[in-house]
Each structure stands twice: as C-alpha cells, then as structure tokens.
C-alpha cells in the first residue's frame, strides 16, 4: 500500500515517523481512560416505557414540542 506524504505545512500535532512525539501514546491512553470512565458512569435504560404515542395521520410522541 502506498501512502501519499503529507503536504507542506500540514498540521500534525504529534509529528510523524521516527521523530514523532512520545506523548502521542500517552494522549491515546488518556482518551481510552476517559472513554472507559464515561461508559462506566452511564447506563442505558428502556425509554419505550416512558413513551406515549398519539394516533393520528402520522404517529408522533405525545409530549413532542417544537
């Protein structure tokens, strides 16, 4: 597979190749830890039990407001 080299003045926050920033791996780890904590602190519930539907020409939620 052939990759095109970046154009001049391309923003690369952690560099590229052999001279890349060692902090890039730390940044990836921090994002993974953040996503882990976000997924642990939220839970998905059943929203269908709280949904009431009005029967008309088109079905729409009862408490829908624009």
N, C-alpha and C. Protein backbone atom coordinates (compact mmCIF):
# COMPACT_ATOMS: atom_id res chain seq x y z
N UNK A 1 0.85 -1.16 0.00
CA UNK A 1 0.00 0.00 0.00
C UNK A 1 0.90 1.24 0.00
N UNK A 2 0.62 2.17 -0.86
CA UNK A 2 1.40 3.39 -0.98
C UNK A 2 0.63 4.53 -0.34
N UNK A 3 1.28 5.22 0.60
CA UNK A 3 0.64 6.38 1.23
C UNK A 3 1.27 7.64 0.66
N UNK A 4 0.44 8.63 0.44
CA UNK A 4 0.94 9.91 -0.02
C UNK A 4 1.56 10.65 1.16
N UNK A 5 2.72 11.25 0.99
CA UNK A 5 3.31 12.03 2.09
C UNK A 5 2.46 13.27 2.36
N UNK A 6 2.48 13.77 3.58
CA UNK A 6 1.69 14.98 3.89
C UNK A 6 2.20 16.18 3.10
N UNK A 7 1.27 17.03 2.74
CA UNK A 7 1.66 18.25 2.02
C UNK A 7 2.41 19.19 2.94
N UNK A 8 3.18 20.10 2.39
CA UNK A 8 3.89 21.06 3.25
C UNK A 8 2.92 21.88 4.09
N UNK A 9 3.34 22.20 5.29
CA UNK A 9 2.56 22.99 6.26
C UNK A 9 1.29 22.28 6.74
N UNK A 10 1.26 20.94 6.65
CA UNK A 10 0.14 20.17 7.17
C UNK A 10 0.27 20.10 8.69
N UNK A 11 -0.84 20.35 9.40
CA UNK A 11 -0.82 20.31 10.86
C UNK A 11 -0.78 18.86 11.31
N UNK A 12 0.26 18.49 11.99
CA UNK A 12 0.41 17.15 12.55
C UNK A 12 0.77 17.32 14.02
N UNK A 13 -0.18 17.17 14.94
CA UNK A 13 0.04 17.53 16.33
C UNK A 13 1.13 16.74 17.03
N UNK A 14 1.39 15.50 16.65
CA UNK A 14 2.40 14.69 17.33
C UNK A 14 3.56 14.32 16.42
N UNK A 15 3.64 14.92 15.26
CA UNK A 15 4.72 14.59 14.35
C UNK A 15 4.44 13.30 13.59
N UNK A 16 5.46 12.82 12.91
CA UNK A 16 5.27 11.64 12.08
C UNK A 16 6.60 10.91 11.98
N UNK A 17 6.53 9.60 11.86
CA UNK A 17 7.72 8.82 11.61
C UNK A 17 8.59 8.62 12.84
N UNK A 18 9.89 8.55 12.61
CA UNK A 18 10.85 8.25 13.66
C UNK A 18 10.90 9.35 14.71
N UNK A 19 10.68 10.58 14.30
CA UNK A 19 10.78 11.72 15.22
C UNK A 19 9.43 12.13 15.80
N UNK A 20 8.51 11.19 15.91
CA UNK A 20 7.20 11.54 16.46
C UNK A 20 7.31 11.75 17.97
N UNK A 21 6.37 12.47 18.51
CA UNK A 21 6.36 12.84 19.92
C UNK A 21 6.04 11.61 20.79
N UNK A 22 6.81 11.36 21.85
CA UNK A 22 6.49 10.23 22.72
C UNK A 22 5.18 10.45 23.50
N UNK A 23 4.71 11.69 23.57
CA UNK A 23 3.45 11.97 24.26
C UNK A 23 2.22 11.51 23.49
N UNK A 24 2.39 11.11 22.24
CA UNK A 24 1.23 10.67 21.47
C UNK A 24 0.62 9.40 22.06
N UNK A 25 1.46 8.49 22.54
CA UNK A 25 0.94 7.27 23.17
C UNK A 25 0.24 7.60 24.48
N UNK A 26 0.76 8.56 25.23
CA UNK A 26 0.11 8.99 26.47
C UNK A 26 -1.25 9.61 26.17
N UNK A 27 -1.34 10.41 25.12
CA UNK A 27 -2.61 11.03 24.75
C UNK A 27 -3.64 9.97 24.36
N UNK A 28 -3.21 8.95 23.63
CA UNK A 28 -4.12 7.85 23.25
C UNK A 28 -4.61 7.12 24.50
N UNK A 29 -3.71 6.88 25.45
CA UNK A 29 -4.08 6.20 26.68
C UNK A 29 -5.06 7.04 27.48
N UNK A 30 -4.85 8.35 27.55
CA UNK A 30 -5.76 9.23 28.28
C UNK A 30 -7.16 9.22 27.66
N UNK A 31 -7.25 9.19 26.34
CA UNK A 31 -8.55 9.13 25.68
C UNK A 31 -9.24 7.81 25.99
N UNK A 32 -8.49 6.71 25.99
CA UNK A 32 -9.09 5.41 26.33
C UNK A 32 -9.58 5.38 27.77
N UNK A 33 -8.83 5.96 28.69
CA UNK A 33 -9.26 6.01 30.10
C UNK A 33 -10.52 6.86 30.23
N UNK A 34 -10.56 7.99 29.53
CA UNK A 34 -11.75 8.85 29.56
C UNK A 34 -12.98 8.11 29.04
N UNK A 35 -12.84 7.43 27.91
CA UNK A 35 -13.97 6.68 27.36
C UNK A 35 -14.40 5.55 28.29
N UNK A 36 -13.44 4.92 28.95
CA UNK A 36 -13.76 3.86 29.90
C UNK A 36 -14.60 4.41 31.05
N UNK A 37 -14.19 5.54 31.61
CA UNK A 37 -14.94 6.12 32.73
C UNK A 37 -16.31 6.64 32.29
N UNK A 38 -16.40 7.17 31.08
CA UNK A 38 -17.71 7.63 30.59
C UNK A 38 -18.67 6.47 30.40
N UNK A 39 -18.18 5.37 29.87
CA UNK A 39 -19.06 4.23 29.64
C UNK A 39 -19.46 3.55 30.95
N UNK A 40 -18.61 3.64 31.98
CA UNK A 40 -18.98 3.05 33.27
C UNK A 40 -19.98 3.90 34.03
N UNK A 41 -19.95 5.21 33.86
CA UNK A 41 -20.79 6.08 34.67
C UNK A 41 -22.20 6.27 34.10
N UNK A 42 -22.45 5.84 32.87
CA UNK A 42 -23.77 5.98 32.27
C UNK A 42 -24.37 4.60 32.03
N UNK A 43 -25.67 4.53 32.15
CA UNK A 43 -26.35 3.27 31.85
C UNK A 43 -27.48 3.55 30.87
N UNK A 44 -27.71 2.59 30.03
CA UNK A 44 -28.78 2.72 29.05
C UNK A 44 -30.03 2.05 29.59
N UNK A 45 -31.12 2.73 29.50
CA UNK A 45 -32.37 2.18 30.01
C UNK A 45 -33.39 2.02 28.90
N UNK A 46 -34.53 1.50 29.26
CA UNK A 46 -35.60 1.29 28.30
C UNK A 46 -36.45 2.55 28.24
N UNK A 47 -36.36 3.30 27.16
CA UNK A 47 -37.12 4.54 27.02
C UNK A 47 -38.53 4.28 26.50
N UNK A 48 -38.79 3.11 26.02
CA UNK A 48 -40.12 2.82 25.46
C UNK A 48 -41.21 2.82 26.52
N UNK A 49 -40.86 2.53 27.76
CA UNK A 49 -41.87 2.53 28.82
C UNK A 49 -42.35 3.94 29.13
N UNK A 50 -41.57 4.96 28.81
CA UNK A 50 -41.95 6.34 29.09
C UNK A 50 -42.53 7.03 27.86
N UNK A 51 -42.68 6.33 26.78
CA UNK A 51 -43.12 6.92 25.52
C UNK A 51 -44.61 6.67 25.31
N UNK A 52 -45.36 7.74 25.12
CA UNK A 52 -46.78 7.62 24.79
C UNK A 52 -46.95 8.10 23.35
N UNK A 53 -47.75 7.40 22.58
CA UNK A 53 -47.90 7.71 21.16
C UNK A 53 -49.33 8.17 20.88
N UNK A 54 -49.46 9.25 20.14
CA UNK A 54 -50.76 9.78 19.71
C UNK A 54 -51.07 9.17 18.35
N UNK A 55 -52.25 8.60 18.22
CA UNK A 55 -52.64 8.03 16.93
C UNK A 55 -53.34 9.11 16.12
N UNK A 56 -52.74 9.48 15.04
CA UNK A 56 -53.32 10.45 14.12
C UNK A 56 -52.91 10.02 12.72
N UNK A 57 -52.86 10.94 11.80
CA UNK A 57 -52.44 10.60 10.44
C UNK A 57 -51.02 10.04 10.48
N UNK A 58 -50.18 10.67 11.26
CA UNK A 58 -48.81 10.20 11.46
C UNK A 58 -48.62 9.92 12.95
N UNK A 59 -47.94 8.84 13.28
CA UNK A 59 -47.66 8.56 14.67
C UNK A 59 -46.62 9.55 15.17
N UNK A 60 -46.86 10.08 16.36
CA UNK A 60 -45.90 11.00 16.95
C UNK A 60 -45.94 10.85 18.47
N UNK A 61 -44.84 11.18 19.14
CA UNK A 61 -44.83 11.10 20.59
C UNK A 61 -45.82 12.10 21.19
N UNK A 62 -46.40 11.74 22.33
CA UNK A 62 -47.40 12.57 22.98
C UNK A 62 -46.82 13.88 23.50
N UNK A 63 -45.63 13.83 24.06
CA UNK A 63 -45.05 15.02 24.66
C UNK A 63 -44.06 15.72 23.72
N UNK A 64 -44.27 15.64 22.43
CA UNK A 64 -43.40 16.28 21.46
C UNK A 64 -43.75 17.76 21.35
N UNK A 65 -42.74 18.62 21.47
CA UNK A 65 -42.99 20.04 21.33
C UNK A 65 -41.94 20.64 20.42
N UNK A 66 -42.33 21.61 19.64
CA UNK A 66 -41.40 22.28 18.73
C UNK A 66 -41.24 23.71 19.15
